[in-house]
mmCIF file of all heavy atoms, coordinates in Angstrom:
data_MODEL
# 
_entry.id   MODEL 
# 
loop_
_atom_site.group_PDB 
_atom_site.id 
_atom_site.type_symbol 
_atom_site.label_atom_id 
_atom_site.label_alt_id 
_atom_site.label_comp_id 
_atom_site.label_asym_id 
_atom_site.label_entity_id 
_atom_site.label_seq_id 
_atom_site.pdbx_PDB_ins_code 
_atom_site.Cartn_x 
_atom_site.Cartn_y 
_atom_site.Cartn_z 
_atom_site.occupancy 
_atom_site.B_iso_or_equiv 
_atom_site.pdbx_formal_charge 
_atom_site.auth_seq_id 
_atom_site.auth_comp_id 
_atom_site.auth_asym_id 
_atom_site.auth_atom_id 
_atom_site.pdbx_PDB_model_num 
ATOM 1   N N   . GLY A 1 1  ? 6.899   -0.738 0.255   1.00 0.00 ? 1  GLY A N   1 
ATOM 2   C CA  . GLY A 1 1  ? 6.983   0.038  1.477   1.00 0.00 ? 1  GLY A CA  1 
ATOM 3   C C   . GLY A 1 1  ? 7.125   -0.759 2.750   1.00 0.00 ? 1  GLY A C   1 
ATOM 4   O O   . GLY A 1 1  ? 7.297   -0.175 3.825   1.00 0.00 ? 1  GLY A O   1 
ATOM 5   N N   . GLY A 1 2  ? 7.056   -2.070 2.654   1.00 0.00 ? 2  GLY A N   1 
ATOM 6   C CA  . GLY A 1 2  ? 7.222   -2.888 3.840   1.00 0.00 ? 2  GLY A CA  1 
ATOM 7   C C   . GLY A 1 2  ? 8.662   -2.867 4.321   1.00 0.00 ? 2  GLY A C   1 
ATOM 8   O O   . GLY A 1 2  ? 9.560   -2.367 3.653   1.00 0.00 ? 2  GLY A O   1 
ATOM 9   N N   . GLY A 1 3  ? 8.864   -3.427 5.496   1.00 0.00 ? 3  GLY A N   1 
ATOM 10  C CA  . GLY A 1 3  ? 10.198  -3.473 6.053   1.00 0.00 ? 3  GLY A CA  1 
ATOM 11  C C   . GLY A 1 3  ? 10.173  -3.816 7.520   1.00 0.00 ? 3  GLY A C   1 
ATOM 12  O O   . GLY A 1 3  ? 9.155   -4.246 8.055   1.00 0.00 ? 3  GLY A O   1 
ATOM 13  N N   . LEU A 1 4  ? 11.311  -3.630 8.156   1.00 0.00 ? 4  LEU A N   1 
ATOM 14  C CA  . LEU A 1 4  ? 11.472  -3.901 9.578   1.00 0.00 ? 4  LEU A CA  1 
ATOM 15  C C   . LEU A 1 4  ? 11.444  -2.587 10.338  1.00 0.00 ? 4  LEU A C   1 
ATOM 16  O O   . LEU A 1 4  ? 12.159  -1.642 9.995   1.00 0.00 ? 4  LEU A O   1 
ATOM 17  C CB  . LEU A 1 4  ? 12.800  -4.626 9.829   1.00 0.00 ? 4  LEU A CB  1 
ATOM 18  C CG  . LEU A 1 4  ? 13.186  -4.889 11.280  1.00 0.00 ? 4  LEU A CG  1 
ATOM 19  C CD1 . LEU A 1 4  ? 12.181  -5.831 11.935  1.00 0.00 ? 4  LEU A CD1 1 
ATOM 20  C CD2 . LEU A 1 4  ? 14.593  -5.464 11.341  1.00 0.00 ? 4  LEU A CD2 1 
ATOM 21  N N   . VAL A 1 5  ? 10.623  -2.537 11.371  1.00 0.00 ? 5  VAL A N   1 
ATOM 22  C CA  . VAL A 1 5  ? 10.493  -1.323 12.162  1.00 0.00 ? 5  VAL A CA  1 
ATOM 23  C C   . VAL A 1 5  ? 10.307  -1.696 13.627  1.00 0.00 ? 5  VAL A C   1 
ATOM 24  O O   . VAL A 1 5  ? 9.767   -2.760 13.935  1.00 0.00 ? 5  VAL A O   1 
ATOM 25  C CB  . VAL A 1 5  ? 9.312   -0.464 11.653  1.00 0.00 ? 5  VAL A CB  1 
ATOM 26  C CG1 . VAL A 1 5  ? 7.992   -1.199 11.854  1.00 0.00 ? 5  VAL A CG1 1 
ATOM 27  C CG2 . VAL A 1 5  ? 9.286   0.897  12.316  1.00 0.00 ? 5  VAL A CG2 1 
ATOM 28  N N   . GLN A 1 6  ? 10.767  -0.836 14.518  1.00 0.00 ? 6  GLN A N   1 
ATOM 29  C CA  . GLN A 1 6  ? 10.572  -1.068 15.938  1.00 0.00 ? 6  GLN A CA  1 
ATOM 30  C C   . GLN A 1 6  ? 9.151   -0.713 16.351  1.00 0.00 ? 6  GLN A C   1 
ATOM 31  O O   . GLN A 1 6  ? 8.490   0.104  15.721  1.00 0.00 ? 6  GLN A O   1 
ATOM 32  C CB  . GLN A 1 6  ? 11.550  -0.231 16.763  1.00 0.00 ? 6  GLN A CB  1 
ATOM 33  C CG  . GLN A 1 6  ? 12.983  -0.694 16.707  1.00 0.00 ? 6  GLN A CG  1 
ATOM 34  C CD  . GLN A 1 6  ? 13.875  0.051  17.667  1.00 0.00 ? 6  GLN A CD  1 
ATOM 35  O OE1 . GLN A 1 6  ? 14.926  0.542  17.296  1.00 0.00 ? 6  GLN A OE1 1 
ATOM 36  N NE2 . GLN A 1 6  ? 13.443  0.136  18.927  1.00 0.00 ? 6  GLN A NE2 1 
ATOM 37  N N   . ALA A 1 7  ? 8.691   -1.352 17.404  1.00 0.00 ? 7  ALA A N   1 
ATOM 38  C CA  . ALA A 1 7  ? 7.379   -1.026 17.948  1.00 0.00 ? 7  ALA A CA  1 
ATOM 39  C C   . ALA A 1 7  ? 7.290   0.469  18.212  1.00 0.00 ? 7  ALA A C   1 
ATOM 40  O O   . ALA A 1 7  ? 8.226   1.084  18.723  1.00 0.00 ? 7  ALA A O   1 
ATOM 41  C CB  . ALA A 1 7  ? 7.122   -1.812 19.226  1.00 0.00 ? 7  ALA A CB  1 
ATOM 42  N N   . GLY A 1 8  ? 6.160   1.031  17.847  1.00 0.00 ? 8  GLY A N   1 
ATOM 43  C CA  . GLY A 1 8  ? 5.954   2.456  17.992  1.00 0.00 ? 8  GLY A CA  1 
ATOM 44  C C   . GLY A 1 8  ? 6.307   3.251  16.756  1.00 0.00 ? 8  GLY A C   1 
ATOM 45  O O   . GLY A 1 8  ? 5.958   4.433  16.659  1.00 0.00 ? 8  GLY A O   1 
ATOM 46  N N   . GLY A 1 9  ? 6.966   2.614  15.815  1.00 0.00 ? 9  GLY A N   1 
ATOM 47  C CA  . GLY A 1 9  ? 7.370   3.283  14.598  1.00 0.00 ? 9  GLY A CA  1 
ATOM 48  C C   . GLY A 1 9  ? 6.266   3.328  13.563  1.00 0.00 ? 9  GLY A C   1 
ATOM 49  O O   . GLY A 1 9  ? 5.143   2.890  13.800  1.00 0.00 ? 9  GLY A O   1 
ATOM 50  N N   . SER A 1 10 ? 6.618   3.846  12.393  1.00 0.00 ? 10 SER A N   1 
ATOM 51  C CA  . SER A 1 10 ? 5.648   4.031  11.321  1.00 0.00 ? 10 SER A CA  1 
ATOM 52  C C   . SER A 1 10 ? 6.181   3.513  9.998   1.00 0.00 ? 10 SER A C   1 
ATOM 53  O O   . SER A 1 10 ? 7.388   3.493  9.761   1.00 0.00 ? 10 SER A O   1 
ATOM 54  C CB  . SER A 1 10 ? 5.307   5.515  11.155  1.00 0.00 ? 10 SER A CB  1 
ATOM 55  O OG  . SER A 1 10 ? 4.717   6.053  12.322  1.00 0.00 ? 10 SER A OG  1 
ATOM 56  N N   . LEU A 1 11 ? 5.267   3.106  9.148   1.00 0.00 ? 11 LEU A N   1 
ATOM 57  C CA  . LEU A 1 11 ? 5.564   2.733  7.776   1.00 0.00 ? 11 LEU A CA  1 
ATOM 58  C C   . LEU A 1 11 ? 4.410   3.182  6.903   1.00 0.00 ? 11 LEU A C   1 
ATOM 59  O O   . LEU A 1 11 ? 3.268   3.242  7.365   1.00 0.00 ? 11 LEU A O   1 
ATOM 60  C CB  . LEU A 1 11 ? 5.735   1.222  7.612   1.00 0.00 ? 11 LEU A CB  1 
ATOM 61  C CG  . LEU A 1 11 ? 7.015   0.564  8.112   1.00 0.00 ? 11 LEU A CG  1 
ATOM 62  C CD1 . LEU A 1 11 ? 6.872   -0.954 8.011   1.00 0.00 ? 11 LEU A CD1 1 
ATOM 63  C CD2 . LEU A 1 11 ? 8.216   1.031  7.309   1.00 0.00 ? 11 LEU A CD2 1 
ATOM 64  N N   . ARG A 1 12 ? 4.701   3.479  5.658   1.00 0.00 ? 12 ARG A N   1 
ATOM 65  C CA  . ARG A 1 12 ? 3.653   3.749  4.687   1.00 0.00 ? 12 ARG A CA  1 
ATOM 66  C C   . ARG A 1 12 ? 3.762   2.751  3.551   1.00 0.00 ? 12 ARG A C   1 
ATOM 67  O O   . ARG A 1 12 ? 4.779   2.696  2.857   1.00 0.00 ? 12 ARG A O   1 
ATOM 68  C CB  . ARG A 1 12 ? 3.736   5.168  4.126   1.00 0.00 ? 12 ARG A CB  1 
ATOM 69  C CG  . ARG A 1 12 ? 2.509   5.513  3.263   1.00 0.00 ? 12 ARG A CG  1 
ATOM 70  C CD  . ARG A 1 12 ? 2.576   6.885  2.636   1.00 0.00 ? 12 ARG A CD  1 
ATOM 71  N NE  . ARG A 1 12 ? 3.498   6.937  1.510   1.00 0.00 ? 12 ARG A NE  1 
ATOM 72  C CZ  . ARG A 1 12 ? 3.449   7.849  0.547   1.00 0.00 ? 12 ARG A CZ  1 
ATOM 73  N NH1 . ARG A 1 12 ? 2.521   8.805  0.585   1.00 0.00 ? 12 ARG A NH1 1 
ATOM 74  N NH2 . ARG A 1 12 ? 4.332   7.829  -0.431  1.00 0.00 ? 12 ARG A NH2 1 
ATOM 75  N N   . LEU A 1 13 ? 2.717   1.970  3.377   1.00 0.00 ? 13 LEU A N   1 
ATOM 76  C CA  . LEU A 1 13 ? 2.651   1.028  2.284   1.00 0.00 ? 13 LEU A CA  1 
ATOM 77  C C   . LEU A 1 13 ? 1.992   1.687  1.080   1.00 0.00 ? 13 LEU A C   1 
ATOM 78  O O   . LEU A 1 13 ? 1.071   2.487  1.228   1.00 0.00 ? 13 LEU A O   1 
ATOM 79  C CB  . LEU A 1 13 ? 1.852   -0.212 2.674   1.00 0.00 ? 13 LEU A CB  1 
ATOM 80  C CG  . LEU A 1 13 ? 2.300   -0.947 3.937   1.00 0.00 ? 13 LEU A CG  1 
ATOM 81  C CD1 . LEU A 1 13 ? 1.472   -2.211 4.117   1.00 0.00 ? 13 LEU A CD1 1 
ATOM 82  C CD2 . LEU A 1 13 ? 3.784   -1.271 3.883   1.00 0.00 ? 13 LEU A CD2 1 
ATOM 83  N N   . SER A 1 14 ? 2.463   1.321  -0.098  1.00 0.00 ? 14 SER A N   1 
ATOM 84  C CA  . SER A 1 14 ? 1.896   1.834  -1.332  1.00 0.00 ? 14 SER A CA  1 
ATOM 85  C C   . SER A 1 14 ? 1.444   0.681  -2.203  1.00 0.00 ? 14 SER A C   1 
ATOM 86  O O   . SER A 1 14 ? 2.037   -0.393 -2.188  1.00 0.00 ? 14 SER A O   1 
ATOM 87  C CB  . SER A 1 14 ? 2.928   2.670  -2.100  1.00 0.00 ? 14 SER A CB  1 
ATOM 88  O OG  . SER A 1 14 ? 3.335   3.798  -1.356  1.00 0.00 ? 14 SER A OG  1 
ATOM 89  N N   . CYS A 1 15 ? 0.399   0.913  -2.966  1.00 0.00 ? 15 CYS A N   1 
ATOM 90  C CA  . CYS A 1 15 ? -0.111  -0.066 -3.912  1.00 0.00 ? 15 CYS A CA  1 
ATOM 91  C C   . CYS A 1 15 ? -0.340  0.631  -5.235  1.00 0.00 ? 15 CYS A C   1 
ATOM 92  O O   . CYS A 1 15 ? -1.146  1.568  -5.315  1.00 0.00 ? 15 CYS A O   1 
ATOM 93  C CB  . CYS A 1 15 ? -1.415  -0.683 -3.401  1.00 0.00 ? 15 CYS A CB  1 
ATOM 94  S SG  . CYS A 1 15 ? -2.261  -1.748 -4.600  1.00 0.00 ? 15 CYS A SG  1 
ATOM 95  N N   . ALA A 1 16 ? 0.354   0.188  -6.257  1.00 0.00 ? 16 ALA A N   1 
ATOM 96  C CA  . ALA A 1 16 ? 0.200   0.740  -7.591  1.00 0.00 ? 16 ALA A CA  1 
ATOM 97  C C   . ALA A 1 16 ? -0.699  -0.179 -8.407  1.00 0.00 ? 16 ALA A C   1 
ATOM 98  O O   . ALA A 1 16 ? -0.411  -1.364 -8.548  1.00 0.00 ? 16 ALA A O   1 
ATOM 99  C CB  . ALA A 1 16 ? 1.557   0.889  -8.268  1.00 0.00 ? 16 ALA A CB  1 
ATOM 100 N N   . ALA A 1 17 ? -1.785  0.366  -8.924  1.00 0.00 ? 17 ALA A N   1 
ATOM 101 C CA  . ALA A 1 17 ? -2.731  -0.392 -9.729  1.00 0.00 ? 17 ALA A CA  1 
ATOM 102 C C   . ALA A 1 17 ? -2.559  -0.027 -11.195 1.00 0.00 ? 17 ALA A C   1 
ATOM 103 O O   . ALA A 1 17 ? -2.459  1.149  -11.546 1.00 0.00 ? 17 ALA A O   1 
ATOM 104 C CB  . ALA A 1 17 ? -4.163  -0.118 -9.285  1.00 0.00 ? 17 ALA A CB  1 
ATOM 105 N N   . SER A 1 18 ? -2.528  -1.034 -12.038 1.00 0.00 ? 18 SER A N   1 
ATOM 106 C CA  . SER A 1 18 ? -2.402  -0.803 -13.467 1.00 0.00 ? 18 SER A CA  1 
ATOM 107 C C   . SER A 1 18 ? -3.245  -1.820 -14.217 1.00 0.00 ? 18 SER A C   1 
ATOM 108 O O   . SER A 1 18 ? -3.774  -2.764 -13.636 1.00 0.00 ? 18 SER A O   1 
ATOM 109 C CB  . SER A 1 18 ? -0.942  -0.884 -13.910 1.00 0.00 ? 18 SER A CB  1 
ATOM 110 O OG  . SER A 1 18 ? -0.398  -2.168 -13.648 1.00 0.00 ? 18 SER A OG  1 
ATOM 111 N N   . GLY A 1 19 ? -3.362  -1.631 -15.528 1.00 0.00 ? 19 GLY A N   1 
ATOM 112 C CA  . GLY A 1 19 ? -4.192  -2.515 -16.323 1.00 0.00 ? 19 GLY A CA  1 
ATOM 113 C C   . GLY A 1 19 ? -5.657  -2.147 -16.191 1.00 0.00 ? 19 GLY A C   1 
ATOM 114 O O   . GLY A 1 19 ? -6.016  -0.978 -16.262 1.00 0.00 ? 19 GLY A O   1 
ATOM 115 N N   . ARG A 1 20 ? -6.495  -3.149 -15.978 1.00 0.00 ? 20 ARG A N   1 
ATOM 116 C CA  . ARG A 1 20 ? -7.929  -2.939 -15.827 1.00 0.00 ? 20 ARG A CA  1 
ATOM 117 C C   . ARG A 1 20 ? -8.227  -2.490 -14.409 1.00 0.00 ? 20 ARG A C   1 
ATOM 118 O O   . ARG A 1 20 ? -8.338  -3.315 -13.502 1.00 0.00 ? 20 ARG A O   1 
ATOM 119 C CB  . ARG A 1 20 ? -8.697  -4.207 -16.169 1.00 0.00 ? 20 ARG A CB  1 
ATOM 120 C CG  . ARG A 1 20 ? -8.578  -4.623 -17.628 1.00 0.00 ? 20 ARG A CG  1 
ATOM 121 C CD  . ARG A 1 20 ? -9.316  -5.924 -17.894 1.00 0.00 ? 20 ARG A CD  1 
ATOM 122 N NE  . ARG A 1 20 ? -10.731 -5.824 -17.593 1.00 0.00 ? 20 ARG A NE  1 
ATOM 123 C CZ  . ARG A 1 20 ? -11.655 -5.384 -18.430 1.00 0.00 ? 20 ARG A CZ  1 
ATOM 124 N NH1 . ARG A 1 20 ? -11.306 -4.994 -19.653 1.00 0.00 ? 20 ARG A NH1 1 
ATOM 125 N NH2 . ARG A 1 20 ? -12.920 -5.330 -18.068 1.00 0.00 ? 20 ARG A NH2 1 
ATOM 126 N N   . THR A 1 21 ? -8.382  -1.192 -14.248 1.00 0.00 ? 21 THR A N   1 
ATOM 127 C CA  . THR A 1 21 ? -8.600  -0.614 -12.922 1.00 0.00 ? 21 THR A CA  1 
ATOM 128 C C   . THR A 1 21 ? -10.008 -0.062 -12.773 1.00 0.00 ? 21 THR A C   1 
ATOM 129 O O   . THR A 1 21 ? -10.223 0.927  -12.076 1.00 0.00 ? 21 THR A O   1 
ATOM 130 C CB  . THR A 1 21 ? -7.567  0.490  -12.639 1.00 0.00 ? 21 THR A CB  1 
ATOM 131 O OG1 . THR A 1 21 ? -7.685  1.526  -13.624 1.00 0.00 ? 21 THR A OG1 1 
ATOM 132 C CG2 . THR A 1 21 ? -6.165  -0.080 -12.656 1.00 0.00 ? 21 THR A CG2 1 
ATOM 133 N N   . LEU A 1 22 ? -10.974 -0.715 -13.397 1.00 0.00 ? 22 LEU A N   1 
ATOM 134 C CA  . LEU A 1 22 ? -12.355 -0.242 -13.356 1.00 0.00 ? 22 LEU A CA  1 
ATOM 135 C C   . LEU A 1 22 ? -12.928 -0.240 -11.947 1.00 0.00 ? 22 LEU A C   1 
ATOM 136 O O   . LEU A 1 22 ? -13.858 0.504  -11.656 1.00 0.00 ? 22 LEU A O   1 
ATOM 137 C CB  . LEU A 1 22 ? -13.233 -1.088 -14.278 1.00 0.00 ? 22 LEU A CB  1 
ATOM 138 C CG  . LEU A 1 22 ? -12.899 -1.038 -15.765 1.00 0.00 ? 22 LEU A CG  1 
ATOM 139 C CD1 . LEU A 1 22 ? -13.848 -1.933 -16.545 1.00 0.00 ? 22 LEU A CD1 1 
ATOM 140 C CD2 . LEU A 1 22 ? -12.957 0.386  -16.288 1.00 0.00 ? 22 LEU A CD2 1 
ATOM 141 N N   . ASN A 1 23 ? -12.393 -1.092 -11.078 1.00 0.00 ? 23 ASN A N   1 
ATOM 142 C CA  . ASN A 1 23 ? -12.860 -1.173 -9.702  1.00 0.00 ? 23 ASN A CA  1 
ATOM 143 C C   . ASN A 1 23 ? -11.895 -0.503 -8.734  1.00 0.00 ? 23 ASN A C   1 
ATOM 144 O O   . ASN A 1 23 ? -11.820 -0.872 -7.567  1.00 0.00 ? 23 ASN A O   1 
ATOM 145 C CB  . ASN A 1 23 ? -13.073 -2.628 -9.295  1.00 0.00 ? 23 ASN A CB  1 
ATOM 146 C CG  . ASN A 1 23 ? -14.175 -3.294 -10.074 1.00 0.00 ? 23 ASN A CG  1 
ATOM 147 O OD1 . ASN A 1 23 ? -13.956 -4.319 -10.717 1.00 0.00 ? 23 ASN A OD1 1 
ATOM 148 N ND2 . ASN A 1 23 ? -15.366 -2.706 -10.027 1.00 0.00 ? 23 ASN A ND2 1 
ATOM 149 N N   . PHE A 1 24 ? -11.164 0.479  -9.227  1.00 0.00 ? 24 PHE A N   1 
ATOM 150 C CA  . PHE A 1 24 ? -10.196 1.164  -8.386  1.00 0.00 ? 24 PHE A CA  1 
ATOM 151 C C   . PHE A 1 24 ? -10.852 1.790  -7.166  1.00 0.00 ? 24 PHE A C   1 
ATOM 152 O O   . PHE A 1 24 ? -10.216 1.921  -6.117  1.00 0.00 ? 24 PHE A O   1 
ATOM 153 C CB  . PHE A 1 24 ? -9.454  2.236  -9.180  1.00 0.00 ? 24 PHE A CB  1 
ATOM 154 C CG  . PHE A 1 24 ? -8.472  3.012  -8.349  1.00 0.00 ? 24 PHE A CG  1 
ATOM 155 C CD1 . PHE A 1 24 ? -7.260  2.464  -7.983  1.00 0.00 ? 24 PHE A CD1 1 
ATOM 156 C CD2 . PHE A 1 24 ? -8.774  4.302  -7.911  1.00 0.00 ? 24 PHE A CD2 1 
ATOM 157 C CE1 . PHE A 1 24 ? -6.350  3.174  -7.213  1.00 0.00 ? 24 PHE A CE1 1 
ATOM 158 C CE2 . PHE A 1 24 ? -7.866  5.017  -7.140  1.00 0.00 ? 24 PHE A CE2 1 
ATOM 159 C CZ  . PHE A 1 24 ? -6.656  4.454  -6.793  1.00 0.00 ? 24 PHE A CZ  1 
ATOM 160 N N   . TYR A 1 25 ? -12.116 2.155  -7.301  1.00 0.00 ? 25 TYR A N   1 
ATOM 161 C CA  . TYR A 1 25 ? -12.801 2.820  -6.192  1.00 0.00 ? 25 TYR A CA  1 
ATOM 162 C C   . TYR A 1 25 ? -13.435 1.831  -5.222  1.00 0.00 ? 25 TYR A C   1 
ATOM 163 O O   . TYR A 1 25 ? -14.369 2.169  -4.500  1.00 0.00 ? 25 TYR A O   1 
ATOM 164 C CB  . TYR A 1 25 ? -13.805 3.832  -6.741  1.00 0.00 ? 25 TYR A CB  1 
ATOM 165 C CG  . TYR A 1 25 ? -13.100 4.966  -7.420  1.00 0.00 ? 25 TYR A CG  1 
ATOM 166 C CD1 . TYR A 1 25 ? -12.975 5.011  -8.807  1.00 0.00 ? 25 TYR A CD1 1 
ATOM 167 C CD2 . TYR A 1 25 ? -12.506 5.979  -6.679  1.00 0.00 ? 25 TYR A CD2 1 
ATOM 168 C CE1 . TYR A 1 25 ? -12.285 6.037  -9.428  1.00 0.00 ? 25 TYR A CE1 1 
ATOM 169 C CE2 . TYR A 1 25 ? -11.807 7.008  -7.296  1.00 0.00 ? 25 TYR A CE2 1 
ATOM 170 C CZ  . TYR A 1 25 ? -11.705 7.037  -8.664  1.00 0.00 ? 25 TYR A CZ  1 
ATOM 171 O OH  . TYR A 1 25 ? -11.015 8.061  -9.277  1.00 0.00 ? 25 TYR A OH  1 
ATOM 172 N N   . ASN A 1 26 ? -12.919 0.653  -5.184  1.00 0.00 ? 26 ASN A N   1 
ATOM 173 C CA  . ASN A 1 26 ? -13.245 -0.350 -4.180  1.00 0.00 ? 26 ASN A CA  1 
ATOM 174 C C   . ASN A 1 26 ? -11.963 -1.122 -3.889  1.00 0.00 ? 26 ASN A C   1 
ATOM 175 O O   . ASN A 1 26 ? -11.712 -2.179 -4.457  1.00 0.00 ? 26 ASN A O   1 
ATOM 176 C CB  . ASN A 1 26 ? -14.349 -1.279 -4.663  1.00 0.00 ? 26 ASN A CB  1 
ATOM 177 C CG  . ASN A 1 26 ? -14.781 -2.260 -3.594  1.00 0.00 ? 26 ASN A CG  1 
ATOM 178 O OD1 . ASN A 1 26 ? -14.393 -2.156 -2.434  1.00 0.00 ? 26 ASN A OD1 1 
ATOM 179 N ND2 . ASN A 1 26 ? -15.592 -3.236 -3.993  1.00 0.00 ? 26 ASN A ND2 1 
ATOM 180 N N   . MET A 1 27 ? -11.153 -0.566 -3.023  1.00 0.00 ? 27 MET A N   1 
ATOM 181 C CA  . MET A 1 27 ? -9.833  -1.104 -2.734  1.00 0.00 ? 27 MET A CA  1 
ATOM 182 C C   . MET A 1 27 ? -9.707  -1.414 -1.247  1.00 0.00 ? 27 MET A C   1 
ATOM 183 O O   . MET A 1 27 ? -10.340 -0.774 -0.409  1.00 0.00 ? 27 MET A O   1 
ATOM 184 C CB  . MET A 1 27 ? -8.741  -0.110 -3.130  1.00 0.00 ? 27 MET A CB  1 
ATOM 185 C CG  . MET A 1 27 ? -8.790  0.332  -4.581  1.00 0.00 ? 27 MET A CG  1 
ATOM 186 S SD  . MET A 1 27 ? -8.290  -0.981 -5.733  1.00 0.00 ? 27 MET A SD  1 
ATOM 187 C CE  . MET A 1 27 ? -6.556  -1.150 -5.298  1.00 0.00 ? 27 MET A CE  1 
# 
């Protein structure tokens, strides 16, 4: 979700977790 944006703009970053995600609730 990263990229180039002008000041004042918006971006949404995403993080996909896989494998051992036992600590998913501490991100």
